[in-house]
Amino acid sequence: MKHKKWLQWGVWLLTGLFVTNIVTIYLLFSQNNKAASTSSSRERTELFVLEGEDSGDARWKIEDYKVIKTSDASIWRGSGKITYLGNEADLNNISYFSYRFYEQQEGRPSDTVLGGSISSNSSVAIPKVRDVGTISGAATPLEQLLTREDMDRSYLEIEWKDHLGKVYKDRIELTVKEYETF
């Protein structure tokens, strides 16, 4: 009888150890999978394609401006086209033209993330459609956290001066036309 009691107690002890080991292995495995899925969701490449049009006099629009954030913490911007929507003859009397792209980072506009300018003592005659060029580099910690909502609050500032010295400035709100992750 005494031997049978020890045997029952031993079976219960082994069963308890077996169950606790299974539970421990399950918890460790599920935590590793959770950590792996969290890091893999952060370590992906994101493509944002943005566009916008001047809501004022409808002078300018931007199409196919791209931002690519890669899983190796780099960022690439550009390839968009700025188009003048007014009379093309107006472009022959410009002595200065610049554009600057801004993104929202932590709810505040960033410094210029991409820009360019042309100036001349005489008229410049910029083309009706202008490529914005490209830029790439290491993404800052704030740039790595940019979301689709942040990109939807991006904007483009265009400034130009006519041959008489009058300065014009437009702000074009950008929206995400296309978003992909891979």
N, C-alpha and C. Protein backbone atom coordinates (compact mmCIF):
# COMPACT_ATOMS: atom_id res chain seq x y z
N MET A 1 0.82 -1.17 0.00
CA MET A 1 0.00 0.00 0.00
C MET A 1 0.87 1.26 0.00
N LYS A 2 1.91 1.23 0.82
CA LYS A 2 2.81 2.35 0.89
C LYS A 2 3.52 2.55 -0.44
N HIS A 3 3.87 1.45 -1.08
CA HIS A 3 4.55 1.50 -2.37
C HIS A 3 3.61 2.06 -3.46
N LYS A 4 2.33 1.72 -3.39
CA LYS A 4 1.35 2.19 -4.36
C LYS A 4 1.14 3.70 -4.22
N LYS A 5 1.15 4.21 -2.98
CA LYS A 5 0.99 5.63 -2.75
C LYS A 5 2.16 6.42 -3.33
N TRP A 6 3.39 5.88 -3.14
CA TRP A 6 4.57 6.53 -3.71
C TRP A 6 4.50 6.52 -5.24
N LEU A 7 4.03 5.46 -5.80
CA LEU A 7 3.91 5.34 -7.25
C LEU A 7 2.90 6.35 -7.79
N GLN A 8 1.75 6.51 -7.14
CA GLN A 8 0.75 7.50 -7.56
C GLN A 8 1.32 8.92 -7.46
N TRP A 9 2.00 9.15 -6.35
CA TRP A 9 2.57 10.47 -6.15
C TRP A 9 3.63 10.74 -7.21
N GLY A 10 4.43 9.78 -7.55
CA GLY A 10 5.46 9.91 -8.59
C GLY A 10 4.85 10.17 -9.96
N VAL A 11 3.74 9.48 -10.26
CA VAL A 11 3.05 9.69 -11.54
C VAL A 11 2.51 11.12 -11.61
N TRP A 12 1.90 11.60 -10.53
CA TRP A 12 1.39 12.97 -10.49
C TRP A 12 2.53 13.99 -10.64
N LEU A 13 3.64 13.72 -9.99
CA LEU A 13 4.79 14.61 -10.08
C LEU A 13 5.33 14.66 -11.50
N LEU A 14 5.50 13.50 -12.13
CA LEU A 14 5.98 13.45 -13.52
C LEU A 14 4.99 14.11 -14.48
N THR A 15 3.70 13.89 -14.25
CA THR A 15 2.68 14.52 -15.09
C THR A 15 2.74 16.04 -14.93
N GLY A 16 2.87 16.52 -13.71
CA GLY A 16 2.97 17.95 -13.45
C GLY A 16 4.20 18.55 -14.11
N LEU A 17 5.34 17.89 -14.01
CA LEU A 17 6.56 18.37 -14.65
C LEU A 17 6.41 18.39 -16.17
N PHE A 18 5.79 17.36 -16.71
CA PHE A 18 5.58 17.27 -18.15
C PHE A 18 4.70 18.44 -18.63
N VAL A 19 3.60 18.69 -17.92
CA VAL A 19 2.67 19.76 -18.30
C VAL A 19 3.35 21.12 -18.17
N THR A 20 4.09 21.38 -17.09
CA THR A 20 4.76 22.67 -16.93
C THR A 20 5.83 22.87 -17.99
N ASN A 21 6.52 21.80 -18.38
CA ASN A 21 7.52 21.92 -19.46
C ASN A 21 6.85 22.25 -20.79
N ILE A 22 5.74 21.62 -21.07
CA ILE A 22 5.02 21.90 -22.32
C ILE A 22 4.53 23.35 -22.32
N VAL A 23 3.97 23.81 -21.21
CA VAL A 23 3.49 25.19 -21.12
C VAL A 23 4.66 26.17 -21.28
N THR A 24 5.77 25.90 -20.64
CA THR A 24 6.95 26.77 -20.75
C THR A 24 7.46 26.82 -22.18
N ILE A 25 7.55 25.68 -22.83
CA ILE A 25 8.02 25.65 -24.23
C ILE A 25 7.05 26.43 -25.13
N TYR A 26 5.76 26.25 -24.91
CA TYR A 26 4.76 26.97 -25.70
C TYR A 26 4.92 28.48 -25.51
N LEU A 27 5.04 28.94 -24.27
CA LEU A 27 5.17 30.37 -24.01
C LEU A 27 6.44 30.94 -24.63
N LEU A 28 7.54 30.24 -24.51
CA LEU A 28 8.79 30.70 -25.13
C LEU A 28 8.66 30.78 -26.64
N PHE A 29 8.07 29.76 -27.24
CA PHE A 29 7.90 29.73 -28.68
C PHE A 29 6.99 30.85 -29.15
N SER A 30 5.87 31.08 -28.44
CA SER A 30 4.95 32.13 -28.86
C SER A 30 5.57 33.51 -28.69
N GLN A 31 6.38 33.75 -27.66
CA GLN A 31 7.06 35.03 -27.49
C GLN A 31 8.07 35.25 -28.61
N ASN A 32 8.81 34.22 -29.00
CA ASN A 32 9.77 34.34 -30.10
C ASN A 32 9.06 34.66 -31.40
N ASN A 33 7.93 34.01 -31.65
CA ASN A 33 7.17 34.30 -32.87
C ASN A 33 6.61 35.71 -32.85
N LYS A 34 6.14 36.17 -31.68
CA LYS A 34 5.62 37.52 -31.56
C LYS A 34 6.71 38.54 -31.83
N ALA A 35 7.90 38.32 -31.26
CA ALA A 35 9.02 39.23 -31.48
C ALA A 35 9.45 39.22 -32.94
N ALA A 36 9.46 38.04 -33.56
CA ALA A 36 9.86 37.94 -34.97
C ALA A 36 8.84 38.64 -35.86
N SER A 37 7.55 38.47 -35.59
CA SER A 37 6.55 39.11 -36.44
C SER A 37 6.57 40.63 -36.24
N THR A 38 6.81 41.10 -35.02
CA THR A 38 6.90 42.53 -34.78
C THR A 38 8.10 43.13 -35.50
N SER A 39 9.24 42.47 -35.43
CA SER A 39 10.42 43.02 -36.11
C SER A 39 10.27 42.90 -37.62
N SER A 40 9.62 41.86 -38.12
CA SER A 40 9.48 41.75 -39.57
C SER A 40 8.48 42.77 -40.09
N SER A 41 7.47 43.16 -39.26
CA SER A 41 6.56 44.19 -39.73
C SER A 41 7.26 45.55 -39.77
N ARG A 42 8.26 45.77 -38.89
CA ARG A 42 9.03 47.00 -38.94
C ARG A 42 10.09 46.93 -40.02
N GLU A 43 10.55 45.75 -40.32
CA GLU A 43 11.62 45.60 -41.31
C GLU A 43 11.02 45.22 -42.65
N ARG A 44 10.37 46.20 -43.27
CA ARG A 44 9.80 45.99 -44.59
C ARG A 44 10.08 47.23 -45.42
N THR A 45 9.93 47.08 -46.70
CA THR A 45 10.10 48.21 -47.60
C THR A 45 8.72 48.80 -47.88
N GLU A 46 8.62 50.12 -47.78
CA GLU A 46 7.36 50.81 -48.02
C GLU A 46 7.52 51.78 -49.18
N LEU A 47 6.54 51.79 -50.06
CA LEU A 47 6.51 52.71 -51.20
C LEU A 47 5.29 53.61 -51.06
N PHE A 48 5.54 54.92 -51.08
CA PHE A 48 4.48 55.92 -51.06
C PHE A 48 4.55 56.67 -52.39
N VAL A 49 3.44 56.77 -53.09
CA VAL A 49 3.36 57.59 -54.30
C VAL A 49 2.39 58.72 -53.98
N LEU A 50 2.89 59.96 -54.10
CA LEU A 50 2.11 61.13 -53.70
C LEU A 50 1.78 62.01 -54.89
N GLU A 51 0.69 62.78 -54.74
CA GLU A 51 0.30 63.74 -55.76
C GLU A 51 -0.42 64.90 -55.09
N GLY A 52 -0.57 65.98 -55.83
CA GLY A 52 -1.29 67.12 -55.30
C GLY A 52 -1.45 68.19 -56.36
N GLU A 53 -2.40 69.10 -56.13
CA GLU A 53 -2.64 70.19 -57.07
C GLU A 53 -2.94 71.45 -56.29
N ASP A 54 -2.43 72.57 -56.76
CA ASP A 54 -2.65 73.86 -56.13
C ASP A 54 -4.14 74.15 -56.10
N SER A 55 -4.66 74.42 -54.93
CA SER A 55 -6.10 74.66 -54.81
C SER A 55 -6.47 76.12 -55.09
N GLY A 56 -5.48 76.99 -55.14
CA GLY A 56 -5.74 78.42 -55.39
C GLY A 56 -6.08 78.68 -56.83
N ASP A 57 -5.14 79.25 -57.55
CA ASP A 57 -5.36 79.57 -58.96
C ASP A 57 -5.07 78.37 -59.86
N ALA A 58 -4.85 77.21 -59.27
CA ALA A 58 -4.55 75.99 -60.02
C ALA A 58 -3.38 76.20 -60.97
N ARG A 59 -2.29 76.73 -60.42
CA ARG A 59 -1.11 76.99 -61.25
C ARG A 59 -0.20 75.77 -61.39
N TRP A 60 -0.13 74.94 -60.34
CA TRP A 60 0.85 73.84 -60.33
C TRP A 60 0.21 72.54 -59.87
N LYS A 61 0.78 71.43 -60.32
CA LYS A 61 0.41 70.13 -59.77
C LYS A 61 1.67 69.27 -59.73
N ILE A 62 1.67 68.32 -58.82
CA ILE A 62 2.78 67.36 -58.69
C ILE A 62 2.18 65.97 -58.85
N GLU A 63 2.87 65.14 -59.64
CA GLU A 63 2.41 63.78 -59.87
C GLU A 63 3.56 62.80 -59.67
N ASP A 64 3.22 61.62 -59.19
CA ASP A 64 4.14 60.48 -59.09
C ASP A 64 5.41 60.76 -58.29
N TYR A 65 5.29 61.61 -57.27
CA TYR A 65 6.40 61.82 -56.34
C TYR A 65 6.47 60.61 -55.43
N LYS A 66 7.63 59.99 -55.33
CA LYS A 66 7.76 58.73 -54.60
C LYS A 66 8.67 58.87 -53.40
N VAL A 67 8.31 58.14 -52.34
CA VAL A 67 9.16 58.00 -51.16
C VAL A 67 9.24 56.50 -50.89
N ILE A 68 10.47 55.99 -50.82
CA ILE A 68 10.67 54.56 -50.56
C ILE A 68 11.51 54.43 -49.30
N LYS A 69 10.93 53.80 -48.27
CA LYS A 69 11.64 53.49 -47.03
C LYS A 69 11.99 52.01 -47.08
N THR A 70 13.26 51.69 -46.94
CA THR A 70 13.67 50.30 -47.04
C THR A 70 13.92 49.69 -45.66
N SER A 71 13.95 48.38 -45.64
CA SER A 71 14.14 47.65 -44.39
C SER A 71 15.53 47.85 -43.81
N ASP A 72 16.48 48.31 -44.60
CA ASP A 72 17.83 48.55 -44.08
C ASP A 72 18.02 50.00 -43.63
N ALA A 73 16.91 50.68 -43.28
CA ALA A 73 16.91 52.04 -42.73
C ALA A 73 17.48 53.07 -43.69
N SER A 74 17.17 52.92 -44.97
CA SER A 74 17.52 53.97 -45.93
C SER A 74 16.22 54.53 -46.50
N ILE A 75 16.32 55.71 -47.11
CA ILE A 75 15.13 56.36 -47.65
C ILE A 75 15.50 56.99 -48.99
N TRP A 76 14.59 56.90 -49.93
CA TRP A 76 14.79 57.43 -51.28
C TRP A 76 13.56 58.28 -51.61
N ARG A 77 13.79 59.46 -52.21
CA ARG A 77 12.69 60.35 -52.58
C ARG A 77 12.90 60.89 -53.98
N GLY A 78 11.80 61.15 -54.68
CA GLY A 78 11.90 61.85 -55.96
C GLY A 78 11.10 61.25 -57.08
N SER A 79 11.58 61.53 -58.30
CA SER A 79 10.99 61.07 -59.56
C SER A 79 9.64 61.68 -59.88
N GLY A 80 9.21 62.67 -59.14
CA GLY A 80 7.93 63.29 -59.44
C GLY A 80 8.07 64.33 -60.54
N LYS A 81 6.93 64.76 -61.02
CA LYS A 81 6.87 65.77 -62.08
C LYS A 81 6.01 66.94 -61.60
N ILE A 82 6.60 68.15 -61.64
CA ILE A 82 5.84 69.37 -61.36
C ILE A 82 5.38 69.93 -62.70
N THR A 83 4.10 70.18 -62.82
CA THR A 83 3.53 70.69 -64.06
C THR A 83 2.88 72.04 -63.81
N TYR A 84 3.19 73.01 -64.68
CA TYR A 84 2.54 74.32 -64.62
C TYR A 84 1.22 74.21 -65.37
N LEU A 85 0.13 74.62 -64.73
CA LEU A 85 -1.20 74.47 -65.33
C LEU A 85 -1.69 75.73 -66.04
N GLY A 86 -0.97 76.82 -65.84
CA GLY A 86 -1.38 78.07 -66.48
C GLY A 86 -0.89 78.16 -67.92
N ASN A 87 -0.90 79.36 -68.44
CA ASN A 87 -0.46 79.64 -69.81
C ASN A 87 1.06 79.42 -69.90
N GLU A 88 1.49 78.62 -70.81
CA GLU A 88 2.91 78.29 -70.95
C GLU A 88 3.77 79.53 -71.23
N ALA A 89 3.22 80.53 -71.85
CA ALA A 89 3.96 81.76 -72.14
C ALA A 89 4.38 82.48 -70.85
N ASP A 90 3.60 82.28 -69.76
CA ASP A 90 3.95 82.89 -68.48
C ASP A 90 5.31 82.41 -67.97
N LEU A 91 5.70 81.23 -68.33
CA LEU A 91 6.94 80.63 -67.84
C LEU A 91 8.18 81.30 -68.45
N ASN A 92 8.04 82.02 -69.53
CA ASN A 92 9.18 82.67 -70.17
C ASN A 92 9.67 83.90 -69.42
N ASN A 93 8.89 84.39 -68.46
CA ASN A 93 9.25 85.63 -67.76
C ASN A 93 9.67 85.38 -66.31
N ILE A 94 10.13 84.18 -66.00
CA ILE A 94 10.52 83.85 -64.63
C ILE A 94 12.02 84.02 -64.47
N SER A 95 12.41 84.74 -63.41
CA SER A 95 13.85 84.91 -63.14
C SER A 95 14.32 84.04 -61.98
N TYR A 96 13.37 83.46 -61.23
CA TYR A 96 13.71 82.58 -60.11
C TYR A 96 12.59 81.57 -59.93
N PHE A 97 12.96 80.31 -59.69
CA PHE A 97 11.99 79.24 -59.46
C PHE A 97 12.59 78.28 -58.45
N SER A 98 11.82 77.91 -57.42
CA SER A 98 12.30 76.90 -56.46
C SER A 98 11.13 76.04 -55.99
N TYR A 99 11.47 74.85 -55.55
CA TYR A 99 10.49 73.95 -54.96
C TYR A 99 11.13 73.25 -53.78
N ARG A 100 10.31 72.96 -52.75
CA ARG A 100 10.78 72.29 -51.54
C ARG A 100 9.68 71.37 -51.03
N PHE A 101 10.06 70.12 -50.75
CA PHE A 101 9.13 69.14 -50.19
C PHE A 101 9.33 69.06 -48.68
N TYR A 102 8.21 68.94 -47.96
CA TYR A 102 8.23 68.81 -46.50
C TYR A 102 7.36 67.63 -46.10
N GLU A 103 7.75 66.96 -45.02
CA GLU A 103 6.95 65.87 -44.46
C GLU A 103 6.64 66.20 -43.01
N GLN A 104 5.62 65.56 -42.47
CA GLN A 104 5.29 65.73 -41.05
C GLN A 104 6.09 64.71 -40.25
N GLN A 105 6.78 65.16 -39.23
CA GLN A 105 7.52 64.27 -38.33
C GLN A 105 7.16 64.68 -36.91
N GLU A 106 6.54 63.76 -36.18
CA GLU A 106 6.04 64.03 -34.83
C GLU A 106 5.09 65.21 -34.83
N GLY A 107 4.25 65.31 -35.86
CA GLY A 107 3.25 66.36 -35.93
C GLY A 107 3.76 67.72 -36.37
N ARG A 108 5.03 67.84 -36.65
CA ARG A 108 5.61 69.12 -37.09
C ARG A 108 6.24 68.94 -38.46
N PRO A 109 6.23 70.01 -39.27
CA PRO A 109 6.89 69.92 -40.57
C PRO A 109 8.39 69.70 -40.40
N SER A 110 8.94 68.88 -41.25
CA SER A 110 10.37 68.61 -41.24
C SER A 110 11.12 69.75 -41.91
N ASP A 111 12.43 69.67 -41.87
CA ASP A 111 13.22 70.53 -42.74
C ASP A 111 12.95 70.07 -44.17
N THR A 112 13.42 70.81 -45.14
CA THR A 112 13.24 70.42 -46.54
C THR A 112 13.84 69.03 -46.75
N VAL A 113 13.05 68.11 -47.32
CA VAL A 113 13.56 66.76 -47.58
C VAL A 113 14.04 66.60 -49.01
N LEU A 114 13.57 67.46 -49.90
CA LEU A 114 14.03 67.47 -51.29
C LEU A 114 13.67 68.83 -51.86
N GLY A 115 14.58 69.40 -52.63
CA GLY A 115 14.31 70.71 -53.20
C GLY A 115 15.25 71.02 -54.34
N GLY A 116 14.96 72.10 -55.02
CA GLY A 116 15.80 72.55 -56.10
C GLY A 116 15.40 73.96 -56.49
N SER A 117 16.29 74.64 -57.22
CA SER A 117 15.98 76.00 -57.65
C SER A 117 16.77 76.35 -58.91
N ILE A 118 16.26 77.36 -59.61
CA ILE A 118 16.90 77.91 -60.80
C ILE A 118 16.81 79.43 -60.66
N SER A 119 17.87 80.12 -60.95
CA SER A 119 17.79 81.58 -60.96
C SER A 119 18.68 82.13 -62.06
N SER A 120 18.36 83.35 -62.48
CA SER A 120 19.10 83.97 -63.57
C SER A 120 18.88 85.48 -63.51
N ASN A 121 19.82 86.24 -64.04
CA ASN A 121 19.64 87.68 -64.13
C ASN A 121 18.62 88.04 -65.21
N SER A 122 18.49 87.15 -66.19
CA SER A 122 17.47 87.36 -67.23
C SER A 122 16.40 86.29 -67.02
N SER A 123 15.44 86.23 -67.90
CA SER A 123 14.37 85.24 -67.78
C SER A 123 14.92 83.83 -67.92
N VAL A 124 14.33 82.89 -67.19
CA VAL A 124 14.82 81.52 -67.15
C VAL A 124 14.12 80.61 -68.15
N ALA A 125 12.86 80.82 -68.39
CA ALA A 125 12.07 79.96 -69.26
C ALA A 125 12.12 78.52 -68.79
N ILE A 126 11.51 78.25 -67.63
CA ILE A 126 11.48 76.89 -67.12
C ILE A 126 10.51 76.06 -67.96
N PRO A 127 10.73 74.76 -68.04
CA PRO A 127 9.82 73.93 -68.83
C PRO A 127 8.45 73.80 -68.13
N LYS A 128 7.42 73.53 -68.93
CA LYS A 128 6.06 73.36 -68.39
C LYS A 128 5.98 72.16 -67.45
N VAL A 129 6.77 71.12 -67.72
CA VAL A 129 6.84 69.95 -66.85
C VAL A 129 8.28 69.82 -66.39
N ARG A 130 8.47 69.72 -65.10
CA ARG A 130 9.82 69.68 -64.53
C ARG A 130 9.97 68.45 -63.64
N ASP A 131 11.03 67.68 -63.87
CA ASP A 131 11.35 66.53 -63.02
C ASP A 131 11.98 67.06 -61.74
N VAL A 132 11.58 66.52 -60.58
CA VAL A 132 12.08 67.02 -59.31
C VAL A 132 13.41 66.40 -58.89
N GLY A 133 13.91 65.43 -59.65
CA GLY A 133 15.16 64.79 -59.28
C GLY A 133 14.96 63.77 -58.17
N THR A 134 16.05 63.26 -57.64
CA THR A 134 15.98 62.25 -56.58
C THR A 134 17.05 62.53 -55.53
N ILE A 135 16.82 61.96 -54.37
CA ILE A 135 17.79 62.02 -53.28
C ILE A 135 17.62 60.75 -52.44
N SER A 136 18.71 60.24 -51.91
CA SER A 136 18.63 59.06 -51.05
C SER A 136 19.70 59.14 -49.98
N GLY A 137 19.51 58.35 -48.95
CA GLY A 137 20.48 58.31 -47.86
C GLY A 137 19.94 57.50 -46.70
N ALA A 138 20.66 57.55 -45.61
CA ALA A 138 20.23 56.84 -44.39
C ALA A 138 19.03 57.58 -43.80
N ALA A 139 18.04 56.82 -43.39
CA ALA A 139 16.85 57.41 -42.78
C ALA A 139 17.13 57.75 -41.32
N THR A 140 16.71 58.93 -40.90
CA THR A 140 16.84 59.30 -39.50
C THR A 140 15.86 58.45 -38.69
N PRO A 141 16.03 58.39 -37.38
CA PRO A 141 15.06 57.63 -36.56
C PRO A 141 13.62 58.11 -36.78
N LEU A 142 13.40 59.43 -36.93
CA LEU A 142 12.05 59.93 -37.18
C LEU A 142 11.55 59.51 -38.55
N GLU A 143 12.42 59.52 -39.56
CA GLU A 143 12.01 59.10 -40.90
C GLU A 143 11.65 57.62 -40.93
N GLN A 144 12.32 56.81 -40.12
CA GLN A 144 12.01 55.39 -40.07
C GLN A 144 10.60 55.15 -39.53
N LEU A 145 10.09 56.08 -38.74
CA LEU A 145 8.76 55.94 -38.13
C LEU A 145 7.65 56.55 -38.96
N LEU A 146 7.97 57.18 -40.10
CA LEU A 146 6.94 57.82 -40.93
C LEU A 146 5.86 56.82 -41.33
N THR A 147 4.61 57.23 -41.19
CA THR A 147 3.48 56.38 -41.55
C THR A 147 2.76 56.95 -42.76
N ARG A 148 1.80 56.22 -43.24
CA ARG A 148 0.99 56.70 -44.36
C ARG A 148 0.27 58.00 -43.97
N GLU A 149 -0.21 58.06 -42.73
CA GLU A 149 -0.89 59.27 -42.26
C GLU A 149 0.07 60.46 -42.25
N ASP A 150 1.32 60.25 -41.84
CA ASP A 150 2.31 61.32 -41.88
C ASP A 150 2.53 61.78 -43.32
N MET A 151 2.66 60.83 -44.23
CA MET A 151 2.90 61.17 -45.63
C MET A 151 1.72 61.92 -46.22
N ASP A 152 0.50 61.63 -45.75
CA ASP A 152 -0.69 62.35 -46.23
C ASP A 152 -0.71 63.80 -45.78
N ARG A 153 0.15 64.17 -44.83
CA ARG A 153 0.25 65.56 -44.38
C ARG A 153 1.48 66.25 -44.98
N SER A 154 2.10 65.63 -45.96
CA SER A 154 3.25 66.24 -46.64
C SER A 154 2.77 67.36 -47.55
N TYR A 155 3.70 68.24 -47.90
CA TYR A 155 3.33 69.31 -48.83
C TYR A 155 4.55 69.77 -49.61
N LEU A 156 4.26 70.50 -50.68
CA LEU A 156 5.27 71.04 -51.58
C LEU A 156 5.08 72.55 -51.62
N GLU A 157 6.18 73.28 -51.46
CA GLU A 157 6.14 74.73 -51.62
C GLU A 157 6.86 75.10 -52.91
N ILE A 158 6.20 75.90 -53.72
CA ILE A 158 6.78 76.39 -54.97
C ILE A 158 6.83 77.91 -54.88
N GLU A 159 7.99 78.46 -55.21
CA GLU A 159 8.17 79.91 -55.18
C GLU A 159 8.83 80.32 -56.49
N TRP A 160 8.35 81.42 -57.05
CA TRP A 160 8.97 81.93 -58.26
C TRP A 160 8.84 83.44 -58.31
N LYS A 161 9.70 84.04 -59.10
CA LYS A 161 9.73 85.51 -59.24
C LYS A 161 9.66 85.82 -60.73
N ASP A 162 8.78 86.75 -61.07
CA ASP A 162 8.70 87.15 -62.48
C ASP A 162 9.78 88.18 -62.81
N HIS A 163 9.86 88.55 -64.07
CA HIS A 163 10.91 89.48 -64.53
C HIS A 163 10.76 90.89 -63.94
N LEU A 164 9.61 91.18 -63.35
CA LEU A 164 9.41 92.48 -62.70
C LEU A 164 9.77 92.44 -61.21
N GLY A 165 10.13 91.25 -60.72
CA GLY A 165 10.52 91.12 -59.32
C GLY A 165 9.41 90.72 -58.37
N LYS A 166 8.21 90.49 -58.88
CA LYS A 166 7.10 90.07 -58.03
C LYS A 166 7.28 88.59 -57.67
N VAL A 167 7.19 88.30 -56.36
CA VAL A 167 7.39 86.94 -55.87
C VAL A 167 6.03 86.27 -55.65
N TYR A 168 5.91 85.03 -56.10
CA TYR A 168 4.71 84.22 -55.92
C TYR A 168 5.10 82.99 -55.12
N LYS A 169 4.15 82.53 -54.29
CA LYS A 169 4.43 81.34 -53.48
C LYS A 169 3.16 80.51 -53.39
N ASP A 170 3.29 79.23 -53.67
CA ASP A 170 2.15 78.31 -53.57
C ASP A 170 2.53 77.13 -52.68
N ARG A 171 1.53 76.65 -51.96
CA ARG A 171 1.70 75.46 -51.13
C ARG A 171 0.72 74.41 -51.65
N ILE A 172 1.26 73.26 -51.98
CA ILE A 172 0.43 72.18 -52.52
C ILE A 172 0.42 71.04 -51.51
N GLU A 173 -0.76 70.74 -50.99
CA GLU A 173 -0.92 69.62 -50.05
C GLU A 173 -0.82 68.32 -50.85
N LEU A 174 -0.06 67.37 -50.33
CA LEU A 174 0.11 66.10 -51.01
C LEU A 174 -0.76 65.03 -50.37
N THR A 175 -1.23 64.10 -51.18
CA THR A 175 -1.97 62.95 -50.67
C THR A 175 -1.32 61.69 -51.22
N VAL A 176 -1.45 60.61 -50.45
CA VAL A 176 -0.91 59.33 -50.88
C VAL A 176 -1.85 58.74 -51.91
N LYS A 177 -1.37 58.63 -53.13
CA LYS A 177 -2.15 58.07 -54.23
C LYS A 177 -2.05 56.55 -54.22
N GLU A 178 -0.89 56.06 -53.81
CA GLU A 178 -0.60 54.63 -53.83
C GLU A 178 0.31 54.30 -52.66
N TYR A 179 0.07 53.14 -52.01
CA TYR A 179 0.90 52.69 -50.90
C TYR A 179 1.09 51.19 -51.03
N GLU A 180 2.33 50.75 -50.95
CA GLU A 180 2.63 49.32 -51.03
C GLU A 180 3.73 48.96 -50.04
N THR A 181 3.64 47.76 -49.52
CA THR A 181 4.73 47.22 -48.70
C THR A 181 5.18 45.91 -49.32
N PHE A 182 6.45 45.67 -49.20
CA PHE A 182 6.98 44.40 -49.71
C PHE A 182 8.26 44.08 -48.97
